[in-house]
Every structure is written in structure tokens, then in C-alpha cells.
């Protein structure tokens, strides 16, 4: 089954992957009911979810919000890993 993603959704996913990739964290896109979620897999085997805004009013605000959420999760994961 293929997901139909808007430009804003694709931009948010790209930003999340851009933040997580240098740290070697894997991501997967999951459709959980009405919400589109990017699952981030931590080094310790845990999986964390970042939800994507499907109908944002402002594209730039949605992308910046996704970046902030990804950085917040990354700092949390690094603190748990001892970095």
C-alpha cells in the first residue's frame, strides 16, 4: 500500500531524517490511524514516535516545528545513551 504524501509532509519527513541520520538512527514512516508518524529507532532498541502535521496552515512553521521536535528527541536519546 502506498501513502500519498503532500509536499509539506515530505518536507517534514526529510527534516526529521536529516536530523537523525548523522547519529545513525533509523526511521520508518507508519500510518497509525488518522496520524502519519515517523518512528525513530534508538540505539538501545527503543522506538520513539514523531507525528507529522498533515494539514498545516503554514508550510515553513510545520517544517520548523518538525525540526524542533526531532532535535528535542535527539537530545533526549543522546542523554539516555550518555553522550
PDB file of N, CA and C in Angstrom:
ATOM      1  N   UNK A   1       0.842  -1.168   0.000  1.00  0.00           N
ATOM      2  CA  UNK A   1       0.000   0.000   0.000  1.00  0.00           C
ATOM      3  C   UNK A   1       0.896   1.243   0.000  1.00  0.00           C
ATOM      4  N   UNK A   2       0.637   2.150  -0.884  1.00  0.00           N
ATOM      5  CA  UNK A   2       1.441   3.363  -0.947  1.00  0.00           C
ATOM      6  C   UNK A   2       0.724   4.497  -0.237  1.00  0.00           C
ATOM      7  N   UNK A   3       1.519   5.350   0.365  1.00  0.00           N
ATOM      8  CA  UNK A   3       0.979   6.517   1.045  1.00  0.00           C
ATOM      9  C   UNK A   3       1.040   7.706   0.097  1.00  0.00           C
ATOM     10  N   UNK A   4       0.013   8.500   0.103  1.00  0.00           N
ATOM     11  CA  UNK A   4       0.032   9.740  -0.667  1.00  0.00           C
ATOM     12  C   UNK A   4       0.472  10.852   0.262  1.00  0.00           C
ATOM     13  N   UNK A   5       1.634  11.411  -0.028  1.00  0.00           N
ATOM     14  CA  UNK A   5       2.202  12.433   0.834  1.00  0.00           C
ATOM     15  C   UNK A   5       2.198  13.780   0.113  1.00  0.00           C
ATOM     16  N   UNK A   6       1.806  14.808   0.836  1.00  0.00           N
ATOM     17  CA  UNK A   6       1.853  16.154   0.277  1.00  0.00           C
ATOM     18  C   UNK A   6       3.288  16.672   0.366  1.00  0.00           C
ATOM     19  N   UNK A   7       3.537  17.804  -0.265  1.00  0.00           N
ATOM     20  CA  UNK A   7       4.883  18.389  -0.218  1.00  0.00           C
ATOM     21  C   UNK A   7       5.294  18.734   1.199  1.00  0.00           C
ATOM     22  N   UNK A   8       4.346  19.237   1.965  1.00  0.00           N
ATOM     23  CA  UNK A   8       4.650  19.610   3.349  1.00  0.00           C
ATOM     24  C   UNK A   8       4.997  18.378   4.168  1.00  0.00           C
ATOM     25  N   UNK A   9       4.276  17.311   3.983  1.00  0.00           N
ATOM     26  CA  UNK A   9       4.547  16.082   4.719  1.00  0.00           C
ATOM     27  C   UNK A   9       5.923  15.534   4.341  1.00  0.00           C
ATOM     28  N   UNK A  10       6.229  15.544   3.023  1.00  0.00           N
ATOM     29  CA  UNK A  10       7.541  15.079   2.574  1.00  0.00           C
ATOM     30  C   UNK A  10       8.666  15.938   3.147  1.00  0.00           C
ATOM     31  N   UNK A  11       8.444  17.249   3.214  1.00  0.00           N
ATOM     32  CA  UNK A  11       9.463  18.155   3.756  1.00  0.00           C
ATOM     33  C   UNK A  11       9.695  17.881   5.237  1.00  0.00           C
ATOM     34  N   UNK A  12       8.642  17.619   5.981  1.00  0.00           N
ATOM     35  CA  UNK A  12       8.778  17.330   7.409  1.00  0.00           C
ATOM     36  C   UNK A  12       9.534  16.021   7.632  1.00  0.00           C
ATOM     37  N   UNK A  13       9.223  15.013   6.827  1.00  0.00           N
ATOM     38  CA  UNK A  13       9.909  13.723   6.943  1.00  0.00           C
ATOM     39  C   UNK A  13      11.386  13.883   6.600  1.00  0.00           C
ATOM     40  N   UNK A  14      11.677  14.655   5.563  1.00  0.00           N
ATOM     41  CA  UNK A  14      13.065  14.881   5.168  1.00  0.00           C
ATOM     42  C   UNK A  14      13.852  15.580   6.265  1.00  0.00           C
ATOM     43  N   UNK A  15      13.232  16.551   6.930  1.00  0.00           N
ATOM     44  CA  UNK A  15      13.911  17.273   8.008  1.00  0.00           C
ATOM     45  C   UNK A  15      14.197  16.340   9.178  1.00  0.00           C
ATOM     46  N   UNK A  16      13.243  15.507   9.531  1.00  0.00           N
ATOM     47  CA  UNK A  16      13.445  14.564  10.638  1.00  0.00           C
ATOM     48  C   UNK A  16      14.572  13.599  10.308  1.00  0.00           C
ATOM     49  N   UNK A  17      14.576  13.075   9.088  1.00  0.00           N
ATOM     50  CA  UNK A  17      15.649  12.156   8.688  1.00  0.00           C
ATOM     51  C   UNK A  17      16.993  12.857   8.624  1.00  0.00           C
ATOM     52  N   UNK A  18      16.984  14.113   8.223  1.00  0.00           N
ATOM     53  CA  UNK A  18      18.222  14.903   8.156  1.00  0.00           C
ATOM     54  C   UNK A  18      18.837  15.088   9.544  1.00  0.00           C
ATOM     55  N   UNK A  19      17.997  15.268  10.548  1.00  0.00           N
ATOM     56  CA  UNK A  19      18.483  15.436  11.920  1.00  0.00           C
ATOM     57  C   UNK A  19      18.977  14.102  12.494  1.00  0.00           C
ATOM     58  N   UNK A  20      18.293  13.008  12.191  1.00  0.00           N
ATOM     59  CA  UNK A  20      18.606  11.717  12.792  1.00  0.00           C
ATOM     60  C   UNK A  20      19.733  10.964  12.089  1.00  0.00           C
ATOM     61  N   UNK A  21      19.904  11.156  10.795  1.00  0.00           N
ATOM     62  CA  UNK A  21      20.857  10.364  10.013  1.00  0.00           C
ATOM     63  C   UNK A  21      22.306  10.478  10.487  1.00  0.00           C
ATOM     64  N   UNK A  22      22.828  11.665  10.812  1.00  0.00           N
ATOM     65  CA  UNK A  22      24.229  11.714  11.242  1.00  0.00           C
ATOM     66  C   UNK A  22      24.521  10.904  12.507  1.00  0.00           C
ATOM     67  N   UNK A  23      23.520  10.634  13.289  1.00  0.00           N
ATOM     68  CA  UNK A  23      23.694   9.861  14.518  1.00  0.00           C
ATOM     69  C   UNK A  23      23.444   8.377  14.302  1.00  0.00           C
ATOM     70  N   UNK A  24      23.150   7.974  13.087  1.00  0.00           N
ATOM     71  CA  UNK A  24      22.944   6.568  12.778  1.00  0.00           C
ATOM     72  C   UNK A  24      21.625   6.007  13.257  1.00  0.00           C
ATOM     73  N   UNK A  25      20.629   6.865  13.431  1.00  0.00           N
ATOM     74  CA  UNK A  25      19.323   6.408  13.898  1.00  0.00           C
ATOM     75  C   UNK A  25      18.421   6.139  12.703  1.00  0.00           C
ATOM     76  N   UNK A  26      17.802   4.987  12.690  1.00  0.00           N
ATOM     77  CA  UNK A  26      16.909   4.622  11.602  1.00  0.00           C
ATOM     78  C   UNK A  26      15.524   5.191  11.793  1.00  0.00           C
ATOM     79  N   UNK A  27      14.833   5.398  10.681  1.00  0.00           N
ATOM     80  CA  UNK A  27      13.466   5.920  10.728  1.00  0.00           C
ATOM     81  C   UNK A  27      12.573   5.073   9.833  1.00  0.00           C
ATOM     82  N   UNK A  28      11.299   5.083  10.145  1.00  0.00           N
ATOM     83  CA  UNK A  28      10.290   4.406   9.332  1.00  0.00           C
ATOM     84  C   UNK A  28       9.015   5.230   9.377  1.00  0.00           C
ATOM     85  N   UNK A  29       8.310   5.271   8.266  1.00  0.00           N
ATOM     86  CA  UNK A  29       7.050   6.002   8.197  1.00  0.00           C
ATOM     87  C   UNK A  29       5.922   5.012   8.442  1.00  0.00           C
ATOM     88  N   UNK A  30       5.053   5.348   9.399  1.00  0.00           N
ATOM     89  CA  UNK A  30       3.965   4.460   9.796  1.00  0.00           C
ATOM     90  C   UNK A  30       2.665   5.254   9.778  1.00  0.00           C
ATOM     91  N   UNK A  31       1.626   4.656   9.257  1.00  0.00           N
ATOM     92  CA  UNK A  31       0.308   5.277   9.273  1.00  0.00           C
ATOM     93  C   UNK A  31      -0.463   4.685  10.450  1.00  0.00           C
ATOM     94  N   UNK A  32      -0.542   5.441  11.529  1.00  0.00           N
ATOM     95  CA  UNK A  32      -1.229   4.963  12.731  1.00  0.00           C
ATOM     96  C   UNK A  32      -2.592   5.626  12.826  1.00  0.00           C
ATOM     97  N   UNK A  33      -3.573   5.006  12.253  1.00  0.00           N
ATOM     98  CA  UNK A  33      -4.920   5.574  12.280  1.00  0.00           C
ATOM     99  C   UNK A  33      -4.974   6.854  11.472  1.00  0.00           C
ATOM    100  N   UNK A  34      -5.472   7.934  12.083  1.00  0.00           N
ATOM    101  CA  UNK A  34      -5.596   9.187  11.335  1.00  0.00           C
ATOM    102  C   UNK A  34      -4.286   9.963  11.236  1.00  0.00           C
ATOM    103  N   UNK A  35      -3.242   9.503  11.945  1.00  0.00           N
ATOM    104  CA  UNK A  35      -1.997  10.262  12.006  1.00  0.00           C
ATOM    105  C   UNK A  35      -0.870   9.562  11.263  1.00  0.00           C
ATOM    106  N   UNK A  36      -0.065  10.344  10.598  1.00  0.00           N
ATOM    107  CA  UNK A  36       1.148   9.834   9.977  1.00  0.00           C
ATOM    108  C   UNK A  36       2.280  10.033  10.974  1.00  0.00           C
ATOM    109  N   UNK A  37       3.053   8.991  11.207  1.00  0.00           N
ATOM    110  CA  UNK A  37       4.067   9.006  12.251  1.00  0.00           C
ATOM    111  C   UNK A  37       5.403   8.577  11.661  1.00  0.00           C
ATOM    112  N   UNK A  38       6.473   9.245  12.085  1.00  0.00           N
ATOM    113  CA  UNK A  38       7.824   8.799  11.769  1.00  0.00           C
ATOM    114  C   UNK A  38       8.349   8.118  13.021  1.00  0.00           C
ATOM    115  N   UNK A  39       8.646   6.823  12.915  1.00  0.00           N
ATOM    116  CA  UNK A  39       9.205   6.084  14.039  1.00  0.00           C
ATOM    117  C   UNK A  39      10.717   6.195  13.973  1.00  0.00           C
ATOM    118  N   UNK A  40      11.319   6.534  15.092  1.00  0.00           N
ATOM    119  CA  UNK A  40      12.765   6.644  15.200  1.00  0.00           C
ATOM    120  C   UNK A  40      13.245   5.503  16.085  1.00  0.00           C
ATOM    121  N   UNK A  41      14.202   4.734  15.562  1.00  0.00           N
ATOM    122  CA  UNK A  41      14.713   3.584  16.304  1.00  0.00           C
ATOM    123  C   UNK A  41      16.014   3.962  16.993  1.00  0.00           C
ATOM    124  N   UNK A  42      16.027   3.875  18.318  1.00  0.00           N
ATOM    125  CA  UNK A  42      17.180   4.262  19.121  1.00  0.00           C
ATOM    126  C   UNK A  42      18.214   3.149  19.151  1.00  0.00           C
ATOM    127  N   UNK A  43      19.402   3.495  19.632  1.00  0.00           N
ATOM    128  CA  UNK A  43      20.497   2.522  19.705  1.00  0.00           C
ATOM    129  C   UNK A  43      20.224   1.418  20.710  1.00  0.00           C
ATOM    130  N   UNK A  44      19.432   1.732  21.738  1.00  0.00           N
ATOM    131  CA  UNK A  44      19.157   0.735  22.778  1.00  0.00           C
ATOM    132  C   UNK A  44      17.993  -0.181  22.422  1.00  0.00           C
ATOM    133  N   UNK A  45      17.474  -0.055  21.211  1.00  0.00           N
ATOM    134  CA  UNK A  45      16.387  -0.918  20.764  1.00  0.00           C
ATOM    135  C   UNK A  45      15.010  -0.310  20.920  1.00  0.00           C
ATOM    136  N   UNK A  46      14.916   0.852  21.534  1.00  0.00           N
ATOM    137  CA  UNK A  46      13.630   1.509  21.713  1.00  0.00           C
ATOM    138  C   UNK A  46      13.159   2.180  20.438  1.00  0.00           C
ATOM    139  N   UNK A  47      11.869   2.362  20.328  1.00  0.00           N
ATOM    140  CA  UNK A  47      11.275   3.049  19.177  1.00  0.00           C
ATOM    141  C   UNK A  47      10.472   4.243  19.701  1.00  0.00           C
ATOM    142  N   UNK A  48      10.703   5.381  19.106  1.00  0.00           N
ATOM    143  CA  UNK A  48      10.032   6.609  19.517  1.00  0.00           C
ATOM    144  C   UNK A  48       9.278   7.173  18.322  1.00  0.00           C
ATOM    145  N   UNK A  49       8.161   7.850  18.586  1.00  0.00           N
ATOM    146  CA  UNK A  49       7.309   8.347  17.505  1.00  0.00           C
ATOM    147  C   UNK A  49       7.311   9.866  17.455  1.00  0.00           C
ATOM    148  N   UNK A  50       7.384  10.386  16.236  1.00  0.00           N
ATOM    149  CA  UNK A  50       7.193  11.814  15.978  1.00  0.00           C
ATOM    150  C   UNK A  50       6.043  11.929  14.984  1.00  0.00           C
ATOM    151  N   UNK A  51       4.976  12.604  15.382  1.00  0.00           N
ATOM    152  CA  UNK A  51       3.836  12.715  14.473  1.00  0.00           C
ATOM    153  C   UNK A  51       4.053  13.867  13.498  1.00  0.00           C
ATOM    154  N   UNK A  52       3.486  13.699  12.315  1.00  0.00           N
ATOM    155  CA  UNK A  52       3.618  14.656  11.225  1.00  0.00           C
ATOM    156  C   UNK A  52       2.321  15.446  11.123  1.00  0.00           C
ATOM    157  N   UNK A  53       2.445  16.751  10.958  1.00  0.00           N
ATOM    158  CA  UNK A  53       1.275  17.598  10.758  1.00  0.00           C
ATOM    159  C   UNK A  53       0.794  17.416   9.319  1.00  0.00           C
ATOM    160  N   UNK A  54      -0.406  16.893   9.170  1.00  0.00           N
ATOM    161  CA  UNK A  54      -0.913  16.573   7.832  1.00  0.00           C
ATOM    162  C   UNK A  54      -1.534  17.774   7.131  1.00  0.00           C
ATOM    163  N   UNK A  55      -2.117  18.676   7.879  1.00  0.00           N
ATOM    164  CA  UNK A  55      -2.766  19.839   7.269  1.00  0.00           C
ATOM    165  C   UNK A  55      -2.330  21.116   7.971  1.00  0.00           C
ATOM    166  N   UNK A  56      -1.065  21.488   7.819  1.00  0.00           N
ATOM    167  CA  UNK A  56      -0.608  22.707   8.490  1.00  0.00           C
ATOM    168  C   UNK A  56      -1.090  23.960   7.769  1.00  0.00           C
ATOM    169  N   UNK A  57      -1.209  25.046   8.518  1.00  0.00           N
ATOM    170  CA  UNK A  57      -1.604  26.311   7.912  1.00  0.00           C
ATOM    171  C   UNK A  57      -0.419  26.977   7.228  1.00  0.00           C
ATOM    172  N   UNK A  58       0.769  26.784   7.787  1.00  0.00           N
ATOM    173  CA  UNK A  58       1.965  27.412   7.260  1.00  0.00           C
ATOM    174  C   UNK A  58       3.026  26.342   7.044  1.00  0.00           C
ATOM    175  N   UNK A  59       3.515  26.198   5.822  1.00  0.00           N
ATOM    176  CA  UNK A  59       4.485  25.166   5.485  1.00  0.00           C
ATOM    177  C   UNK A  59       5.778  25.340   6.270  1.00  0.00           C
ATOM    178  N   UNK A  60       6.310  26.555   6.298  1.00  0.00           N
ATOM    179  CA  UNK A  60       7.578  26.788   6.984  1.00  0.00           C
ATOM    180  C   UNK A  60       7.469  26.529   8.483  1.00  0.00           C
ATOM    181  N   UNK A  61       6.357  26.923   9.073  1.00  0.00           N
ATOM    182  CA  UNK A  61       6.157  26.685  10.504  1.00  0.00           C
ATOM    183  C   UNK A  61       6.088  25.190  10.792  1.00  0.00           C
ATOM    184  N   UNK A  62       5.441  24.434   9.928  1.00  0.00           N
ATOM    185  CA  UNK A  62       5.330  22.989  10.128  1.00  0.00           C
ATOM    186  C   UNK A  62       6.698  22.323  10.022  1.00  0.00           C
ATOM    187  N   UNK A  63       7.507  22.754   9.056  1.00  0.00           N
ATOM    188  CA  UNK A  63       8.841  22.176   8.888  1.00  0.00           C
ATOM    189  C   UNK A  63       9.733  22.543  10.074  1.00  0.00           C
ATOM    190  N   UNK A  64       9.664  23.797  10.521  1.00  0.00           N
ATOM    191  CA  UNK A  64      10.461  24.211  11.676  1.00  0.00           C
ATOM    192  C   UNK A  64      10.034  23.483  12.946  1.00  0.00           C
ATOM    193  N   UNK A  65       8.738  23.258  13.100  1.00  0.00           N
ATOM    194  CA  UNK A  65       8.235  22.526  14.258  1.00  0.00           C
ATOM    195  C   UNK A  65       8.727  21.079  14.228  1.00  0.00           C
ATOM    196  N   UNK A  66       8.727  20.457  13.054  1.00  0.00           N
ATOM    197  CA  UNK A  66       9.225  19.084  12.922  1.00  0.00           C
ATOM    198  C   UNK A  66      10.715  19.032  13.260  1.00  0.00           C
ATOM    199  N   UNK A  67      11.476  20.041  12.828  1.00  0.00           N
ATOM    200  CA  UNK A  67      12.904  20.099  13.141  1.00  0.00           C
ATOM    201  C   UNK A  67      13.132  20.235  14.654  1.00  0.00           C
ATOM    202  N   UNK A  68      12.359  21.103  15.299  1.00  0.00           N
ATOM    203  CA  UNK A  68      12.498  21.286  16.744  1.00  0.00           C
ATOM    204  C   UNK A  68      12.161  20.001  17.495  1.00  0.00           C
ATOM    205  N   UNK A  69      11.087  19.330  17.081  1.00  0.00           N
ATOM    206  CA  UNK A  69      10.695  18.080  17.740  1.00  0.00           C
ATOM    207  C   UNK A  69      11.763  17.007  17.545  1.00  0.00           C
ATOM    208  N   UNK A  70      12.358  16.942  16.346  1.00  0.00           N
ATOM    209  CA  UNK A  70      13.401  15.953  16.076  1.00  0.00           C
ATOM    210  C   UNK A  70      14.641  16.243  16.915  1.00  0.00           C
ATOM    211  N   UNK A  71      15.022  17.518  17.029  1.00  0.00           N
ATOM    212  CA  UNK A  71      16.186  17.866  17.840  1.00  0.00           C
ATOM    213  C   UNK A  71      15.937  17.589  19.321  1.00  0.00           C
ATOM    214  N   UNK A  72      14.719  17.838  19.769  1.00  0.00           N
ATOM    215  CA  UNK A  72      14.369  17.560  21.162  1.00  0.00           C
ATOM    216  C   UNK A  72      14.458  16.054  21.444  1.00  0.00           C
ATOM    217  N   UNK A  73      13.942  15.247  20.526  1.00  0.00           N
ATOM    218  CA  UNK A  73      14.021  13.795  20.700  1.00  0.00           C
ATOM    219  C   UNK A  73      15.470  13.330  20.632  1.00  0.00           C
ATOM    220  N   UNK A  74      16.264  13.902  19.737  1.00  0.00           N
ATOM    221  CA  UNK A  74      17.667  13.524  19.612  1.00  0.00           C
ATOM    222  C   UNK A  74      18.439  13.837  20.890  1.00  0.00           C
ATOM    223  N   UNK A  75      18.205  15.003  21.476  1.00  0.00           N
ATOM    224  CA  UNK A  75      18.902  15.331  22.724  1.00  0.00           C
ATOM    225  C   UNK A  75      18.470  14.400  23.852  1.00  0.00           C
ATOM    226  N   UNK A  76      17.210  14.010  23.854  1.00  0.00           N
ATOM    227  CA  UNK A  76      16.719  13.054  24.849  1.00  0.00           C
ATOM    228  C   UNK A  76      17.397  11.696  24.671  1.00  0.00           C
ATOM    229  N   UNK A  77      17.484  11.233  23.427  1.00  0.00           N
ATOM    230  CA  UNK A  77      18.106   9.927  23.162  1.00  0.00           C
ATOM    231  C   UNK A  77      19.601   9.958  23.484  1.00  0.00           C
ATOM    232  N   UNK A  78      20.259  11.067  23.152  1.00  0.00           N
ATOM    233  CA  UNK A  78      21.688  11.169  23.456  1.00  0.00           C
ATOM    234  C   UNK A  78      21.944  11.225  24.961  1.00  0.00           C
ATOM    235  N   UNK A  79      21.060  11.876  25.701  1.00  0.00           N
ATOM    236  CA  UNK A  79      21.197  11.924  27.150  1.00  0.00           C
ATOM    237  C   UNK A  79      21.017  10.529  27.756  1.00  0.00           C
ATOM    238  N   UNK A  80      20.088   9.772  27.221  1.00  0.00           N
ATOM    239  CA  UNK A  80      19.872   8.408  27.721  1.00  0.00           C
ATOM    240  C   UNK A  80      21.045   7.509  27.385  1.00  0.00           C
ATOM    241  N   UNK A  81      21.692   7.777  26.216  1.00  0.00           N
ATOM    242  CA  UNK A  81      22.822   6.946  25.800  1.00  0.00           C
ATOM    243  C   UNK A  81      24.128   7.388  26.465  1.00  0.00           C
ATOM    244  N   UNK A  82      24.122   8.559  27.116  1.00  0.00           N
ATOM    245  CA  UNK A  82      25.308   9.017  27.807  1.00  0.00           C
ATOM    246  C   UNK A  82      26.213   9.900  26.979  1.00  0.00           C
ATOM    247  N   UNK A  83      25.686  10.510  25.899  1.00  0.00           N
ATOM    248  CA  UNK A  83      26.501  11.406  25.063  1.00  0.00           C
ATOM    249  C   UNK A  83      26.350  12.830  25.535  1.00  0.00           C
TER     250      UNK A  83
END
